[in-house]
Amino acid sequence: MSEPQPGPIGAVLAMALRTAVNGPMQEVREAVVVADGGLAGDLRSSPERGVTLISAPQWKQVCEELGVKLPWHTRRANVLLDVDRLAPLAGRRLRLGEVELDVLSETKPCGLMDQQHAGLRNALRPEWRGGVCCRVLKGGILRVGDAVVLRA
């Protein structure tokens, strides 16, 4: 498969904040994103894990394999993207609305995933279907519907 080329590659479909350890996710339509931090109000953000992204097509594939419909934020990612695959974006920069991100690494699925649904952890492992962790290079306002642009 060829390397993704700079330019528009998708859109922000949804966002959610972790408001308590292992607690429910709170969906939002707009969020303030802080440079070298994450989404304001998100409990677990850090510079290396400022914003976590997940692919809507890959999440759909996981749910189909498990034969279940789970809310996307069951994965506990911050942002759901209409982007086919995230693994090829490792080491690249993205712009989501006003926000600039550096895609650092895979968000490795933890045991909590199997508490959400049996088999979910293993279903998320192939092709980085569990999403990616990003460092926030430039903060700003992020909104559902914002374009996702791969930077040169």
N, C-alpha and C. Protein backbone atom coordinates (compact mmCIF):
# COMPACT_ATOMS: atom_id res chain seq x y z
N MET A 1 0.85 -1.18 0.00
CA MET A 1 0.00 0.00 0.00
C MET A 1 0.89 1.24 0.00
N SER A 2 0.55 2.23 -0.79
CA SER A 2 1.38 3.43 -0.90
C SER A 2 1.23 4.33 0.32
N GLU A 3 2.26 5.15 0.52
CA GLU A 3 2.27 6.09 1.64
C GLU A 3 1.24 7.19 1.39
N PRO A 4 0.49 7.58 2.43
CA PRO A 4 -0.50 8.65 2.25
C PRO A 4 0.16 9.95 1.82
N GLN A 5 -0.49 10.65 0.93
CA GLN A 5 0.03 11.92 0.42
C GLN A 5 -0.56 13.09 1.20
N PRO A 6 0.21 14.19 1.33
CA PRO A 6 -0.30 15.37 2.03
C PRO A 6 -1.60 15.87 1.41
N GLY A 7 -2.46 16.40 2.25
CA GLY A 7 -3.73 16.95 1.81
C GLY A 7 -4.86 16.43 2.68
N PRO A 8 -6.11 16.78 2.34
CA PRO A 8 -7.27 16.34 3.12
C PRO A 8 -7.40 14.81 3.07
N ILE A 9 -7.61 14.19 4.22
CA ILE A 9 -7.75 12.74 4.27
C ILE A 9 -9.00 12.28 5.00
N GLY A 10 -9.77 13.21 5.57
CA GLY A 10 -10.96 12.80 6.30
C GLY A 10 -11.56 13.93 7.10
N ALA A 11 -12.32 13.55 8.13
CA ALA A 11 -13.00 14.54 8.97
C ALA A 11 -13.15 14.01 10.39
N VAL A 12 -13.36 14.94 11.31
CA VAL A 12 -13.65 14.61 12.71
C VAL A 12 -15.14 14.26 12.79
N LEU A 13 -15.44 13.04 13.22
CA LEU A 13 -16.83 12.59 13.31
C LEU A 13 -17.43 12.77 14.70
N ALA A 14 -16.59 12.62 15.73
CA ALA A 14 -17.07 12.71 17.12
C ALA A 14 -15.88 12.92 18.05
N MET A 15 -16.17 13.40 19.26
CA MET A 15 -15.14 13.60 20.29
C MET A 15 -15.72 13.22 21.64
N ALA A 16 -14.82 12.80 22.54
CA ALA A 16 -15.25 12.46 23.90
C ALA A 16 -14.12 12.70 24.89
N LEU A 17 -14.50 12.99 26.12
CA LEU A 17 -13.56 13.23 27.21
C LEU A 17 -13.67 12.12 28.25
N ARG A 18 -12.54 11.75 28.82
CA ARG A 18 -12.52 10.83 29.96
C ARG A 18 -12.65 11.69 31.20
N THR A 19 -13.76 11.57 31.91
CA THR A 19 -14.01 12.44 33.06
C THR A 19 -13.73 11.76 34.39
N ALA A 20 -13.53 10.43 34.38
CA ALA A 20 -13.21 9.68 35.60
C ALA A 20 -12.44 8.43 35.19
N VAL A 21 -11.55 7.97 36.05
CA VAL A 21 -10.80 6.74 35.78
C VAL A 21 -11.80 5.60 35.58
N ASN A 22 -11.72 4.97 34.41
CA ASN A 22 -12.61 3.87 34.03
C ASN A 22 -14.09 4.26 34.02
N GLY A 23 -14.37 5.55 34.12
CA GLY A 23 -15.76 6.02 34.13
C GLY A 23 -16.28 6.25 32.72
N PRO A 24 -17.52 6.68 32.61
CA PRO A 24 -18.12 6.92 31.29
C PRO A 24 -17.43 8.08 30.56
N MET A 25 -17.47 7.99 29.25
CA MET A 25 -16.94 9.05 28.40
C MET A 25 -18.04 10.08 28.18
N GLN A 26 -17.64 11.35 28.08
CA GLN A 26 -18.59 12.43 27.83
C GLN A 26 -18.38 12.94 26.41
N GLU A 27 -19.37 12.73 25.55
CA GLU A 27 -19.26 13.22 24.17
C GLU A 27 -19.43 14.73 24.15
N VAL A 28 -18.62 15.39 23.31
CA VAL A 28 -18.68 16.84 23.13
C VAL A 28 -18.63 17.14 21.64
N ARG A 29 -19.15 18.30 21.25
CA ARG A 29 -19.11 18.70 19.84
C ARG A 29 -17.96 19.66 19.57
N GLU A 30 -17.41 20.22 20.64
CA GLU A 30 -16.32 21.19 20.52
C GLU A 30 -15.44 21.05 21.76
N ALA A 31 -14.13 21.23 21.57
CA ALA A 31 -13.21 21.15 22.71
C ALA A 31 -12.03 22.08 22.49
N VAL A 32 -11.50 22.58 23.60
CA VAL A 32 -10.25 23.34 23.57
C VAL A 32 -9.13 22.32 23.69
N VAL A 33 -8.16 22.42 22.78
CA VAL A 33 -7.01 21.52 22.80
C VAL A 33 -5.79 22.35 23.15
N VAL A 34 -5.02 21.88 24.13
CA VAL A 34 -3.89 22.63 24.68
C VAL A 34 -2.57 22.05 24.16
N ALA A 35 -1.68 22.92 23.65
CA ALA A 35 -0.37 22.48 23.17
C ALA A 35 0.38 21.78 24.29
N ASP A 36 1.08 20.70 23.95
CA ASP A 36 1.82 19.86 24.91
C ASP A 36 0.92 19.34 26.03
N GLY A 37 -0.37 19.29 25.76
CA GLY A 37 -1.34 18.75 26.71
C GLY A 37 -2.32 17.90 25.93
N GLY A 38 -3.59 18.23 26.06
CA GLY A 38 -4.62 17.47 25.37
C GLY A 38 -5.91 18.24 25.36
N LEU A 39 -7.03 17.52 25.33
CA LEU A 39 -8.34 18.16 25.36
C LEU A 39 -8.60 18.67 26.77
N ALA A 40 -8.94 19.94 26.88
CA ALA A 40 -9.26 20.51 28.19
C ALA A 40 -10.40 19.71 28.81
N GLY A 41 -10.23 19.31 30.06
CA GLY A 41 -11.24 18.53 30.75
C GLY A 41 -11.06 17.03 30.64
N ASP A 42 -10.08 16.58 29.82
CA ASP A 42 -9.83 15.15 29.69
C ASP A 42 -8.90 14.71 30.81
N LEU A 43 -9.31 13.71 31.55
CA LEU A 43 -8.61 13.26 32.75
C LEU A 43 -7.22 12.70 32.47
N ARG A 44 -7.04 11.98 31.37
CA ARG A 44 -5.83 11.20 31.18
C ARG A 44 -4.84 11.76 30.17
N SER A 45 -4.94 12.99 29.78
CA SER A 45 -4.02 13.48 28.76
C SER A 45 -2.65 13.76 29.36
N SER A 46 -1.62 13.61 28.53
CA SER A 46 -0.23 13.90 28.88
C SER A 46 0.45 14.30 27.58
N PRO A 47 1.66 14.87 27.62
CA PRO A 47 2.30 15.27 26.37
C PRO A 47 2.43 14.14 25.35
N GLU A 48 2.75 12.92 25.80
CA GLU A 48 2.93 11.80 24.87
C GLU A 48 1.60 11.19 24.43
N ARG A 49 0.57 11.52 25.13
CA ARG A 49 -0.75 10.94 24.85
C ARG A 49 -1.79 12.05 24.90
N GLY A 50 -1.42 13.19 24.32
CA GLY A 50 -2.26 14.37 24.40
C GLY A 50 -3.64 14.16 23.85
N VAL A 51 -3.70 13.55 22.66
CA VAL A 51 -4.97 13.27 22.01
C VAL A 51 -4.87 11.86 21.43
N THR A 52 -5.91 11.06 21.65
CA THR A 52 -5.95 9.73 21.05
C THR A 52 -7.01 9.71 19.96
N LEU A 53 -6.65 9.09 18.84
CA LEU A 53 -7.51 9.04 17.66
C LEU A 53 -7.88 7.60 17.35
N ILE A 54 -9.06 7.40 16.80
CA ILE A 54 -9.48 6.09 16.34
C ILE A 54 -10.18 6.26 14.99
N SER A 55 -10.03 5.26 14.13
CA SER A 55 -10.61 5.27 12.79
C SER A 55 -12.02 4.68 12.82
N ALA A 56 -12.99 5.41 12.29
CA ALA A 56 -14.38 4.91 12.24
C ALA A 56 -14.49 3.64 11.39
N PRO A 57 -13.88 3.58 10.19
CA PRO A 57 -13.97 2.33 9.42
C PRO A 57 -13.35 1.13 10.14
N GLN A 58 -12.24 1.36 10.84
CA GLN A 58 -11.62 0.25 11.57
C GLN A 58 -12.46 -0.16 12.78
N TRP A 59 -13.08 0.80 13.46
CA TRP A 59 -13.95 0.48 14.59
C TRP A 59 -15.14 -0.35 14.11
N LYS A 60 -15.70 0.04 12.97
CA LYS A 60 -16.82 -0.71 12.39
C LYS A 60 -16.39 -2.15 12.10
N GLN A 61 -15.20 -2.31 11.55
CA GLN A 61 -14.67 -3.64 11.24
C GLN A 61 -14.54 -4.48 12.51
N VAL A 62 -14.02 -3.89 13.58
CA VAL A 62 -13.88 -4.59 14.87
C VAL A 62 -15.26 -5.06 15.35
N CYS A 63 -16.24 -4.17 15.33
CA CYS A 63 -17.59 -4.52 15.80
C CYS A 63 -18.21 -5.62 14.95
N GLU A 64 -18.00 -5.56 13.63
CA GLU A 64 -18.52 -6.61 12.75
C GLU A 64 -17.88 -7.95 13.07
N GLU A 65 -16.57 -7.96 13.31
CA GLU A 65 -15.88 -9.21 13.65
C GLU A 65 -16.41 -9.80 14.95
N LEU A 66 -16.74 -8.95 15.91
CA LEU A 66 -17.24 -9.41 17.20
C LEU A 66 -18.75 -9.68 17.17
N GLY A 67 -19.42 -9.25 16.10
CA GLY A 67 -20.86 -9.46 15.98
C GLY A 67 -21.66 -8.64 16.96
N VAL A 68 -21.20 -7.41 17.21
CA VAL A 68 -21.84 -6.55 18.20
C VAL A 68 -21.74 -5.10 17.75
N LYS A 69 -22.67 -4.26 18.21
CA LYS A 69 -22.59 -2.82 17.98
C LYS A 69 -22.22 -2.17 19.30
N LEU A 70 -21.02 -1.59 19.34
CA LEU A 70 -20.55 -0.90 20.54
C LEU A 70 -20.35 0.57 20.22
N PRO A 71 -20.66 1.46 21.16
CA PRO A 71 -20.36 2.87 20.93
C PRO A 71 -18.85 3.04 20.69
N TRP A 72 -18.49 3.94 19.80
CA TRP A 72 -17.07 4.12 19.45
C TRP A 72 -16.22 4.45 20.67
N HIS A 73 -16.79 5.19 21.63
CA HIS A 73 -15.98 5.61 22.78
C HIS A 73 -15.80 4.48 23.80
N THR A 74 -16.32 3.30 23.51
CA THR A 74 -15.98 2.13 24.32
C THR A 74 -14.46 1.96 24.32
N ARG A 75 -13.83 2.34 23.22
CA ARG A 75 -12.37 2.26 23.09
C ARG A 75 -11.66 3.28 23.97
N ARG A 76 -12.36 4.31 24.43
CA ARG A 76 -11.84 5.36 25.30
C ARG A 76 -10.86 6.27 24.57
N ALA A 77 -11.02 6.39 23.27
CA ALA A 77 -10.25 7.35 22.49
C ALA A 77 -10.94 8.71 22.55
N ASN A 78 -10.17 9.77 22.28
CA ASN A 78 -10.74 11.12 22.32
C ASN A 78 -11.49 11.51 21.05
N VAL A 79 -10.96 11.09 19.89
CA VAL A 79 -11.49 11.61 18.63
C VAL A 79 -11.72 10.46 17.64
N LEU A 80 -12.91 10.41 17.08
CA LEU A 80 -13.28 9.45 16.04
C LEU A 80 -13.12 10.14 14.69
N LEU A 81 -12.33 9.52 13.81
CA LEU A 81 -12.05 10.12 12.50
C LEU A 81 -12.62 9.28 11.37
N ASP A 82 -13.06 9.95 10.33
CA ASP A 82 -13.43 9.30 9.08
C ASP A 82 -12.15 9.19 8.24
N VAL A 83 -11.26 8.30 8.68
CA VAL A 83 -9.97 8.04 8.02
C VAL A 83 -9.84 6.52 7.96
N ASP A 84 -9.48 5.98 6.79
CA ASP A 84 -9.46 4.53 6.61
C ASP A 84 -8.56 3.80 7.61
N ARG A 85 -7.30 4.20 7.70
CA ARG A 85 -6.32 3.52 8.55
C ARG A 85 -5.42 4.55 9.20
N LEU A 86 -5.01 4.29 10.44
CA LEU A 86 -4.16 5.24 11.16
C LEU A 86 -2.69 4.83 11.20
N ALA A 87 -2.38 3.55 11.13
CA ALA A 87 -0.99 3.09 11.23
C ALA A 87 -0.06 3.79 10.23
N PRO A 88 -0.49 4.00 8.96
CA PRO A 88 0.41 4.67 8.01
C PRO A 88 0.71 6.13 8.35
N LEU A 89 0.01 6.68 9.34
CA LEU A 89 0.22 8.08 9.71
C LEU A 89 1.26 8.25 10.81
N ALA A 90 1.80 7.15 11.35
CA ALA A 90 2.81 7.22 12.41
C ALA A 90 4.00 8.04 11.92
N GLY A 91 4.45 8.97 12.78
CA GLY A 91 5.57 9.83 12.43
C GLY A 91 5.20 11.01 11.56
N ARG A 92 3.94 11.14 11.24
CA ARG A 92 3.47 12.24 10.38
C ARG A 92 2.73 13.27 11.23
N ARG A 93 2.46 14.41 10.60
CA ARG A 93 1.72 15.50 11.27
C ARG A 93 0.36 15.67 10.62
N LEU A 94 -0.62 15.93 11.49
CA LEU A 94 -2.00 16.15 11.05
C LEU A 94 -2.48 17.50 11.53
N ARG A 95 -3.37 18.10 10.74
CA ARG A 95 -4.10 19.28 11.20
C ARG A 95 -5.57 18.88 11.27
N LEU A 96 -6.17 19.10 12.43
CA LEU A 96 -7.59 18.87 12.64
C LEU A 96 -8.17 20.22 13.02
N GLY A 97 -8.86 20.87 12.10
CA GLY A 97 -9.34 22.22 12.36
C GLY A 97 -8.16 23.13 12.65
N GLU A 98 -8.16 23.79 13.81
CA GLU A 98 -7.07 24.69 14.20
C GLU A 98 -5.89 23.96 14.83
N VAL A 99 -6.06 22.70 15.14
CA VAL A 99 -5.11 21.94 15.96
C VAL A 99 -4.11 21.18 15.09
N GLU A 100 -2.83 21.19 15.52
CA GLU A 100 -1.79 20.41 14.83
C GLU A 100 -1.29 19.31 15.75
N LEU A 101 -1.22 18.09 15.23
CA LEU A 101 -0.82 16.92 16.00
C LEU A 101 0.35 16.21 15.34
N ASP A 102 1.19 15.61 16.16
CA ASP A 102 2.26 14.73 15.72
C ASP A 102 1.82 13.32 16.11
N VAL A 103 1.62 12.44 15.13
CA VAL A 103 1.18 11.07 15.40
C VAL A 103 2.39 10.29 15.90
N LEU A 104 2.37 9.89 17.17
CA LEU A 104 3.53 9.27 17.80
C LEU A 104 3.55 7.75 17.71
N SER A 105 2.47 7.10 18.13
CA SER A 105 2.52 5.64 18.25
C SER A 105 1.12 5.05 18.35
N GLU A 106 1.10 3.74 18.33
CA GLU A 106 -0.14 2.99 18.52
C GLU A 106 -0.64 3.17 19.95
N THR A 107 -1.95 3.27 20.11
CA THR A 107 -2.57 3.21 21.43
C THR A 107 -2.84 1.73 21.68
N LYS A 108 -2.01 1.11 22.47
CA LYS A 108 -2.12 -0.34 22.68
C LYS A 108 -3.35 -0.67 23.53
N PRO A 109 -4.15 -1.62 23.07
CA PRO A 109 -5.34 -2.02 23.82
C PRO A 109 -4.97 -2.65 25.16
N CYS A 110 -5.68 -2.28 26.21
CA CYS A 110 -5.41 -2.81 27.56
C CYS A 110 -6.51 -3.79 27.97
N GLY A 111 -6.33 -4.39 29.13
CA GLY A 111 -7.29 -5.36 29.65
C GLY A 111 -8.69 -4.81 29.87
N LEU A 112 -8.79 -3.49 30.06
CA LEU A 112 -10.10 -2.87 30.25
C LEU A 112 -11.01 -3.13 29.05
N MET A 113 -10.41 -3.30 27.87
CA MET A 113 -11.22 -3.54 26.67
C MET A 113 -12.02 -4.82 26.79
N ASP A 114 -11.42 -5.88 27.35
CA ASP A 114 -12.16 -7.14 27.52
C ASP A 114 -13.21 -7.04 28.61
N GLN A 115 -13.07 -6.08 29.53
CA GLN A 115 -14.12 -5.85 30.51
C GLN A 115 -15.32 -5.18 29.83
N GLN A 116 -15.05 -4.41 28.79
CA GLN A 116 -16.13 -3.76 28.03
C GLN A 116 -16.88 -4.76 27.17
N HIS A 117 -16.10 -5.68 26.53
CA HIS A 117 -16.70 -6.73 25.72
C HIS A 117 -15.66 -7.82 25.49
N ALA A 118 -16.05 -9.07 25.72
CA ALA A 118 -15.13 -10.20 25.56
C ALA A 118 -14.55 -10.22 24.14
N GLY A 119 -13.22 -10.31 24.06
CA GLY A 119 -12.53 -10.39 22.78
C GLY A 119 -12.17 -9.05 22.17
N LEU A 120 -12.61 -7.96 22.77
CA LEU A 120 -12.36 -6.63 22.19
C LEU A 120 -10.86 -6.32 22.13
N ARG A 121 -10.13 -6.65 23.17
CA ARG A 121 -8.70 -6.34 23.19
C ARG A 121 -7.98 -6.96 21.99
N ASN A 122 -8.19 -8.24 21.75
CA ASN A 122 -7.52 -8.90 20.63
C ASN A 122 -8.01 -8.38 19.28
N ALA A 123 -9.28 -8.04 19.20
CA ALA A 123 -9.84 -7.53 17.94
C ALA A 123 -9.23 -6.18 17.57
N LEU A 124 -8.77 -5.41 18.57
CA LEU A 124 -8.19 -4.09 18.32
C LEU A 124 -6.72 -4.15 17.93
N ARG A 125 -6.06 -5.26 18.15
CA ARG A 125 -4.60 -5.35 17.95
C ARG A 125 -4.15 -5.24 16.49
N PRO A 126 -4.76 -5.93 15.53
CA PRO A 126 -4.23 -5.86 14.16
C PRO A 126 -4.31 -4.45 13.57
N GLU A 127 -3.30 -4.10 12.80
CA GLU A 127 -3.30 -2.85 12.01
C GLU A 127 -3.59 -1.60 12.83
N TRP A 128 -3.23 -1.62 14.12
CA TRP A 128 -3.41 -0.45 14.99
C TRP A 128 -4.88 -0.03 15.06
N ARG A 129 -5.78 -1.00 15.03
CA ARG A 129 -7.21 -0.66 15.07
C ARG A 129 -7.63 -0.05 16.40
N GLY A 130 -6.77 -0.15 17.41
CA GLY A 130 -7.04 0.49 18.69
C GLY A 130 -6.75 1.98 18.69
N GLY A 131 -6.18 2.49 17.58
CA GLY A 131 -5.94 3.91 17.44
C GLY A 131 -4.50 4.33 17.65
N VAL A 132 -4.29 5.65 17.67
CA VAL A 132 -2.96 6.22 17.81
C VAL A 132 -2.95 7.32 18.87
N CYS A 133 -1.75 7.51 19.46
CA CYS A 133 -1.51 8.59 20.43
C CYS A 133 -0.81 9.72 19.70
N CYS A 134 -1.18 10.94 20.03
CA CYS A 134 -0.60 12.12 19.37
C CYS A 134 -0.15 13.15 20.39
N ARG A 135 0.93 13.84 20.05
CA ARG A 135 1.38 15.01 20.81
C ARG A 135 0.73 16.24 20.16
N VAL A 136 0.27 17.17 20.98
CA VAL A 136 -0.35 18.39 20.47
C VAL A 136 0.76 19.42 20.23
N LEU A 137 0.99 19.75 18.96
CA LEU A 137 2.01 20.74 18.59
C LEU A 137 1.46 22.15 18.65
N LYS A 138 0.20 22.31 18.23
CA LYS A 138 -0.46 23.62 18.23
C LYS A 138 -1.88 23.42 18.72
N GLY A 139 -2.22 24.12 19.77
CA GLY A 139 -3.56 24.02 20.33
C GLY A 139 -4.56 24.87 19.57
N GLY A 140 -5.80 24.79 19.99
CA GLY A 140 -6.87 25.57 19.38
C GLY A 140 -8.20 24.92 19.68
N ILE A 141 -9.20 25.33 18.93
CA ILE A 141 -10.55 24.76 19.07
C ILE A 141 -10.69 23.63 18.07
N LEU A 142 -11.22 22.50 18.55
CA LEU A 142 -11.49 21.35 17.69
C LEU A 142 -12.99 21.11 17.71
N ARG A 143 -13.55 20.92 16.52
CA ARG A 143 -15.00 20.75 16.40
C ARG A 143 -15.33 19.51 15.57
N VAL A 144 -16.44 18.89 15.91
CA VAL A 144 -16.97 17.83 15.07
C VAL A 144 -17.23 18.44 13.69
N GLY A 145 -16.80 17.75 12.65
CA GLY A 145 -16.94 18.24 11.28
C GLY A 145 -15.67 18.85 10.72
N ASP A 146 -14.69 19.16 11.59
CA ASP A 146 -13.42 19.73 11.10
C ASP A 146 -12.73 18.75 10.16
N ALA A 147 -12.06 19.30 9.16
CA ALA A 147 -11.29 18.49 8.22
C ALA A 147 -10.04 17.94 8.89
N VAL A 148 -9.62 16.77 8.44
CA VAL A 148 -8.35 16.17 8.84
C VAL A 148 -7.42 16.28 7.64
N VAL A 149 -6.30 16.99 7.84
CA VAL A 149 -5.37 17.24 6.74
C VAL A 149 -4.01 16.67 7.11
N LEU A 150 -3.45 15.86 6.22
CA LEU A 150 -2.10 15.33 6.40
C LEU A 150 -1.12 16.39 5.94
N ARG A 151 -0.22 16.78 6.83
CA ARG A 151 0.76 17.83 6.52
C ARG A 151 1.94 17.24 5.75
N ALA A 152 2.61 18.11 4.99
CA ALA A 152 3.78 17.68 4.21
C ALA A 152 4.96 17.42 5.13
